[in-house]
Amino acid sequence: MKQKINRAGQLYSDMLTACPRKQHRDNMQVVLSCLLETLGISRFHAFTAKSPGAISRFLNHQNWSLRTLIRTIRQHALRTFQDSLRGRR
Protein backbone atom coordinates (compact mmCIF):
# COMPACT_ATOMS: atom_id res chain seq x y z
CA MET A 1 0.00 0.00 0.00
CA LYS A 2 2.87 2.36 0.80
CA GLN A 3 4.29 1.90 -2.70
CA LYS A 4 0.87 2.73 -4.15
CA ILE A 5 0.75 5.95 -2.11
CA ASN A 6 4.26 6.88 -3.26
CA ARG A 7 3.27 6.36 -6.92
CA ALA A 8 0.12 8.42 -6.36
CA GLY A 9 2.24 11.16 -4.79
CA GLN A 10 4.61 11.19 -7.76
CA LEU A 11 1.74 11.39 -10.24
CA TYR A 12 0.12 14.10 -8.09
CA SER A 13 3.23 16.30 -8.21
CA ASP A 14 3.83 15.59 -11.92
CA MET A 15 0.29 16.63 -12.79
CA LEU A 16 0.64 19.82 -10.77
CA THR A 17 3.79 20.76 -12.67
CA ALA A 18 1.87 20.31 -15.95
CA CYS A 19 -0.18 23.42 -15.10
CA PRO A 20 1.72 26.56 -16.12
CA ARG A 21 -0.07 29.12 -13.93
CA LYS A 22 -0.26 29.14 -10.12
CA GLN A 23 -4.02 29.71 -10.28
CA HIS A 24 -4.39 26.55 -12.39
CA ARG A 25 -2.10 24.56 -10.07
CA ASP A 26 -4.22 25.58 -7.08
CA ASN A 27 -7.42 24.47 -8.81
CA MET A 28 -5.83 21.23 -10.03
CA GLN A 29 -4.60 20.55 -6.49
CA VAL A 30 -8.14 20.85 -5.12
CA VAL A 31 -9.59 18.60 -7.85
CA LEU A 32 -6.89 15.93 -7.45
CA SER A 33 -7.17 16.00 -3.66
CA CYS A 34 -10.93 15.42 -3.88
CA LEU A 35 -10.42 12.52 -6.30
CA LEU A 36 -7.74 10.91 -4.13
CA GLU A 37 -9.85 11.26 -0.99
CA THR A 38 -12.71 9.41 -2.68
CA LEU A 39 -10.24 6.60 -3.45
CA GLY A 40 -9.31 6.41 0.22
CA ILE A 41 -5.92 8.11 -0.11
CA SER A 42 -6.28 11.03 2.27
CA ARG A 43 -2.59 11.91 2.45
CA PHE A 44 -2.91 14.70 -0.10
CA HIS A 45 -5.01 17.56 1.20
CA ALA A 46 -5.93 20.69 -0.68
CA PHE A 47 -4.27 23.58 1.06
CA THR A 48 -6.60 26.26 -0.21
CA ALA A 49 -10.36 26.00 -0.50
CA LYS A 50 -11.81 26.94 -3.85
CA SER A 51 -15.39 27.80 -4.62
CA PRO A 52 -17.36 25.42 -6.83
CA GLY A 53 -17.60 28.24 -9.37
CA ALA A 54 -13.82 28.59 -9.55
CA ILE A 55 -13.37 24.87 -10.09
CA SER A 56 -16.11 24.84 -12.73
CA ARG A 57 -14.46 27.72 -14.61
CA PHE A 58 -11.12 25.93 -14.41
CA LEU A 59 -12.50 22.68 -15.83
CA ASN A 60 -14.88 24.17 -18.41
CA HIS A 61 -13.58 27.56 -19.52
CA GLN A 62 -9.81 27.78 -19.06
CA ASN A 63 -7.58 26.85 -21.96
CA TRP A 64 -5.33 24.48 -20.06
CA SER A 65 -3.15 22.09 -21.97
CA LEU A 66 -4.85 18.71 -22.05
CA ARG A 67 -2.04 17.44 -24.28
CA THR A 68 0.55 18.22 -21.59
CA LEU A 69 -1.57 16.55 -18.93
CA ILE A 70 -2.01 13.40 -21.02
CA ARG A 71 1.73 13.32 -21.78
CA THR A 72 2.50 13.59 -18.05
CA ILE A 73 0.13 10.75 -17.16
CA ARG A 74 1.49 8.57 -19.98
CA GLN A 75 5.11 9.14 -18.89
CA HIS A 76 4.20 8.27 -15.32
CA ALA A 77 2.44 5.08 -16.44
CA LEU A 78 5.44 4.03 -18.55
CA ARG A 79 7.84 4.75 -15.69
CA THR A 80 5.69 2.70 -13.30
CA PHE A 81 5.52 -0.16 -15.80
CA GLN A 82 9.29 -0.14 -16.35
CA ASP A 83 9.90 -0.13 -12.60
CA SER A 84 7.75 -3.23 -12.25
CA LEU A 85 9.66 -5.25 -14.87
CA ARG A 86 12.01 -7.92 -13.64
CA GLY A 87 15.54 -8.48 -14.83
CA ARG A 88 18.21 -6.11 -16.05
CA ARG A 89 17.59 -2.46 -16.67
C-alpha atoms as a PDB file:
ATOM      1  CA  MET A   1       0.000   0.000   0.000  1.00  0.00           C
ATOM      2  CA  LYS A   2       2.873   2.357   0.797  1.00  0.00           C
ATOM      3  CA  GLN A   3       4.293   1.900  -2.702  1.00  0.00           C
ATOM      4  CA  LYS A   4       0.873   2.734  -4.154  1.00  0.00           C
ATOM      5  CA  ILE A   5       0.747   5.945  -2.114  1.00  0.00           C
ATOM      6  CA  ASN A   6       4.264   6.875  -3.260  1.00  0.00           C
ATOM      7  CA  ARG A   7       3.273   6.362  -6.917  1.00  0.00           C
ATOM      8  CA  ALA A   8       0.124   8.420  -6.362  1.00  0.00           C
ATOM      9  CA  GLY A   9       2.238  11.159  -4.793  1.00  0.00           C
ATOM     10  CA  GLN A  10       4.614  11.194  -7.762  1.00  0.00           C
ATOM     11  CA  LEU A  11       1.738  11.394 -10.242  1.00  0.00           C
ATOM     12  CA  TYR A  12       0.117  14.104  -8.094  1.00  0.00           C
ATOM     13  CA  SER A  13       3.225  16.296  -8.206  1.00  0.00           C
ATOM     14  CA  ASP A  14       3.834  15.592 -11.916  1.00  0.00           C
ATOM     15  CA  MET A  15       0.293  16.633 -12.787  1.00  0.00           C
ATOM     16  CA  LEU A  16       0.635  19.818 -10.772  1.00  0.00           C
ATOM     17  CA  THR A  17       3.787  20.763 -12.674  1.00  0.00           C
ATOM     18  CA  ALA A  18       1.875  20.307 -15.952  1.00  0.00           C
ATOM     19  CA  CYS A  19      -0.180  23.417 -15.100  1.00  0.00           C
ATOM     20  CA  PRO A  20       1.717  26.556 -16.123  1.00  0.00           C
ATOM     21  CA  ARG A  21      -0.072  29.119 -13.930  1.00  0.00           C
ATOM     22  CA  LYS A  22      -0.263  29.144 -10.124  1.00  0.00           C
ATOM     23  CA  GLN A  23      -4.016  29.709 -10.275  1.00  0.00           C
ATOM     24  CA  HIS A  24      -4.393  26.554 -12.391  1.00  0.00           C
ATOM     25  CA  ARG A  25      -2.099  24.564 -10.075  1.00  0.00           C
ATOM     26  CA  ASP A  26      -4.224  25.576  -7.081  1.00  0.00           C
ATOM     27  CA  ASN A  27      -7.424  24.471  -8.810  1.00  0.00           C
ATOM     28  CA  MET A  28      -5.827  21.234 -10.027  1.00  0.00           C
ATOM     29  CA  GLN A  29      -4.602  20.548  -6.492  1.00  0.00           C
ATOM     30  CA  VAL A  30      -8.139  20.852  -5.122  1.00  0.00           C
ATOM     31  CA  VAL A  31      -9.594  18.601  -7.849  1.00  0.00           C
ATOM     32  CA  LEU A  32      -6.886  15.931  -7.447  1.00  0.00           C
ATOM     33  CA  SER A  33      -7.174  16.002  -3.659  1.00  0.00           C
ATOM     34  CA  CYS A  34     -10.926  15.418  -3.884  1.00  0.00           C
ATOM     35  CA  LEU A  35     -10.422  12.516  -6.300  1.00  0.00           C
ATOM     36  CA  LEU A  36      -7.738  10.905  -4.128  1.00  0.00           C
ATOM     37  CA  GLU A  37      -9.847  11.260  -0.989  1.00  0.00           C
ATOM     38  CA  THR A  38     -12.709   9.406  -2.681  1.00  0.00           C
ATOM     39  CA  LEU A  39     -10.242   6.597  -3.447  1.00  0.00           C
ATOM     40  CA  GLY A  40      -9.306   6.415   0.217  1.00  0.00           C
ATOM     41  CA  ILE A  41      -5.922   8.112  -0.108  1.00  0.00           C
ATOM     42  CA  SER A  42      -6.285  11.032   2.266  1.00  0.00           C
ATOM     43  CA  ARG A  43      -2.589  11.907   2.449  1.00  0.00           C
ATOM     44  CA  PHE A  44      -2.910  14.701  -0.096  1.00  0.00           C
ATOM     45  CA  HIS A  45      -5.009  17.558   1.199  1.00  0.00           C
ATOM     46  CA  ALA A  46      -5.931  20.687  -0.679  1.00  0.00           C
ATOM     47  CA  PHE A  47      -4.269  23.584   1.058  1.00  0.00           C
ATOM     48  CA  THR A  48      -6.602  26.261  -0.209  1.00  0.00           C
ATOM     49  CA  ALA A  49     -10.363  25.999  -0.498  1.00  0.00           C
ATOM     50  CA  LYS A  50     -11.814  26.944  -3.847  1.00  0.00           C
ATOM     51  CA  SER A  51     -15.394  27.804  -4.618  1.00  0.00           C
ATOM     52  CA  PRO A  52     -17.362  25.420  -6.829  1.00  0.00           C
ATOM     53  CA  GLY A  53     -17.605  28.241  -9.374  1.00  0.00           C
ATOM     54  CA  ALA A  54     -13.817  28.592  -9.547  1.00  0.00           C
ATOM     55  CA  ILE A  55     -13.365  24.868 -10.085  1.00  0.00           C
ATOM     56  CA  SER A  56     -16.113  24.839 -12.728  1.00  0.00           C
ATOM     57  CA  ARG A  57     -14.461  27.723 -14.609  1.00  0.00           C
ATOM     58  CA  PHE A  58     -11.124  25.926 -14.408  1.00  0.00           C
ATOM     59  CA  LEU A  59     -12.503  22.681 -15.831  1.00  0.00           C
ATOM     60  CA  ASN A  60     -14.875  24.174 -18.409  1.00  0.00           C
ATOM     61  CA  HIS A  61     -13.579  27.561 -19.523  1.00  0.00           C
ATOM     62  CA  GLN A  62      -9.813  27.776 -19.063  1.00  0.00           C
ATOM     63  CA  ASN A  63      -7.577  26.851 -21.961  1.00  0.00           C
ATOM     64  CA  TRP A  64      -5.326  24.476 -20.060  1.00  0.00           C
ATOM     65  CA  SER A  65      -3.148  22.085 -21.970  1.00  0.00           C
ATOM     66  CA  LEU A  66      -4.846  18.706 -22.047  1.00  0.00           C
ATOM     67  CA  ARG A  67      -2.042  17.441 -24.276  1.00  0.00           C
ATOM     68  CA  THR A  68       0.555  18.223 -21.592  1.00  0.00           C
ATOM     69  CA  LEU A  69      -1.567  16.550 -18.929  1.00  0.00           C
ATOM     70  CA  ILE A  70      -2.011  13.402 -21.024  1.00  0.00           C
ATOM     71  CA  ARG A  71       1.727  13.324 -21.778  1.00  0.00           C
ATOM     72  CA  THR A  72       2.503  13.589 -18.053  1.00  0.00           C
ATOM     73  CA  ILE A  73       0.128  10.749 -17.160  1.00  0.00           C
ATOM     74  CA  ARG A  74       1.486   8.572 -19.983  1.00  0.00           C
ATOM     75  CA  GLN A  75       5.110   9.144 -18.892  1.00  0.00           C
ATOM     76  CA  HIS A  76       4.197   8.267 -15.320  1.00  0.00           C
ATOM     77  CA  ALA A  77       2.440   5.080 -16.445  1.00  0.00           C
ATOM     78  CA  LEU A  78       5.436   4.030 -18.555  1.00  0.00           C
ATOM     79  CA  ARG A  79       7.841   4.751 -15.691  1.00  0.00           C
ATOM     80  CA  THR A  80       5.693   2.701 -13.301  1.00  0.00           C
ATOM     81  CA  PHE A  81       5.521  -0.163 -15.798  1.00  0.00           C
ATOM     82  CA  GLN A  82       9.294  -0.138 -16.348  1.00  0.00           C
ATOM     83  CA  ASP A  83       9.903  -0.129 -12.601  1.00  0.00           C
ATOM     84  CA  SER A  84       7.746  -3.230 -12.246  1.00  0.00           C
ATOM     85  CA  LEU A  85       9.659  -5.251 -14.866  1.00  0.00           C
ATOM     86  CA  ARG A  86      12.014  -7.921 -13.637  1.00  0.00           C
ATOM     87  CA  GLY A  87      15.542  -8.485 -14.829  1.00  0.00           C
ATOM     88  CA  ARG A  88      18.211  -6.110 -16.052  1.00  0.00           C
ATOM     89  CA  ARG A  89      17.590  -2.456 -16.668  1.00  0.00           C
END
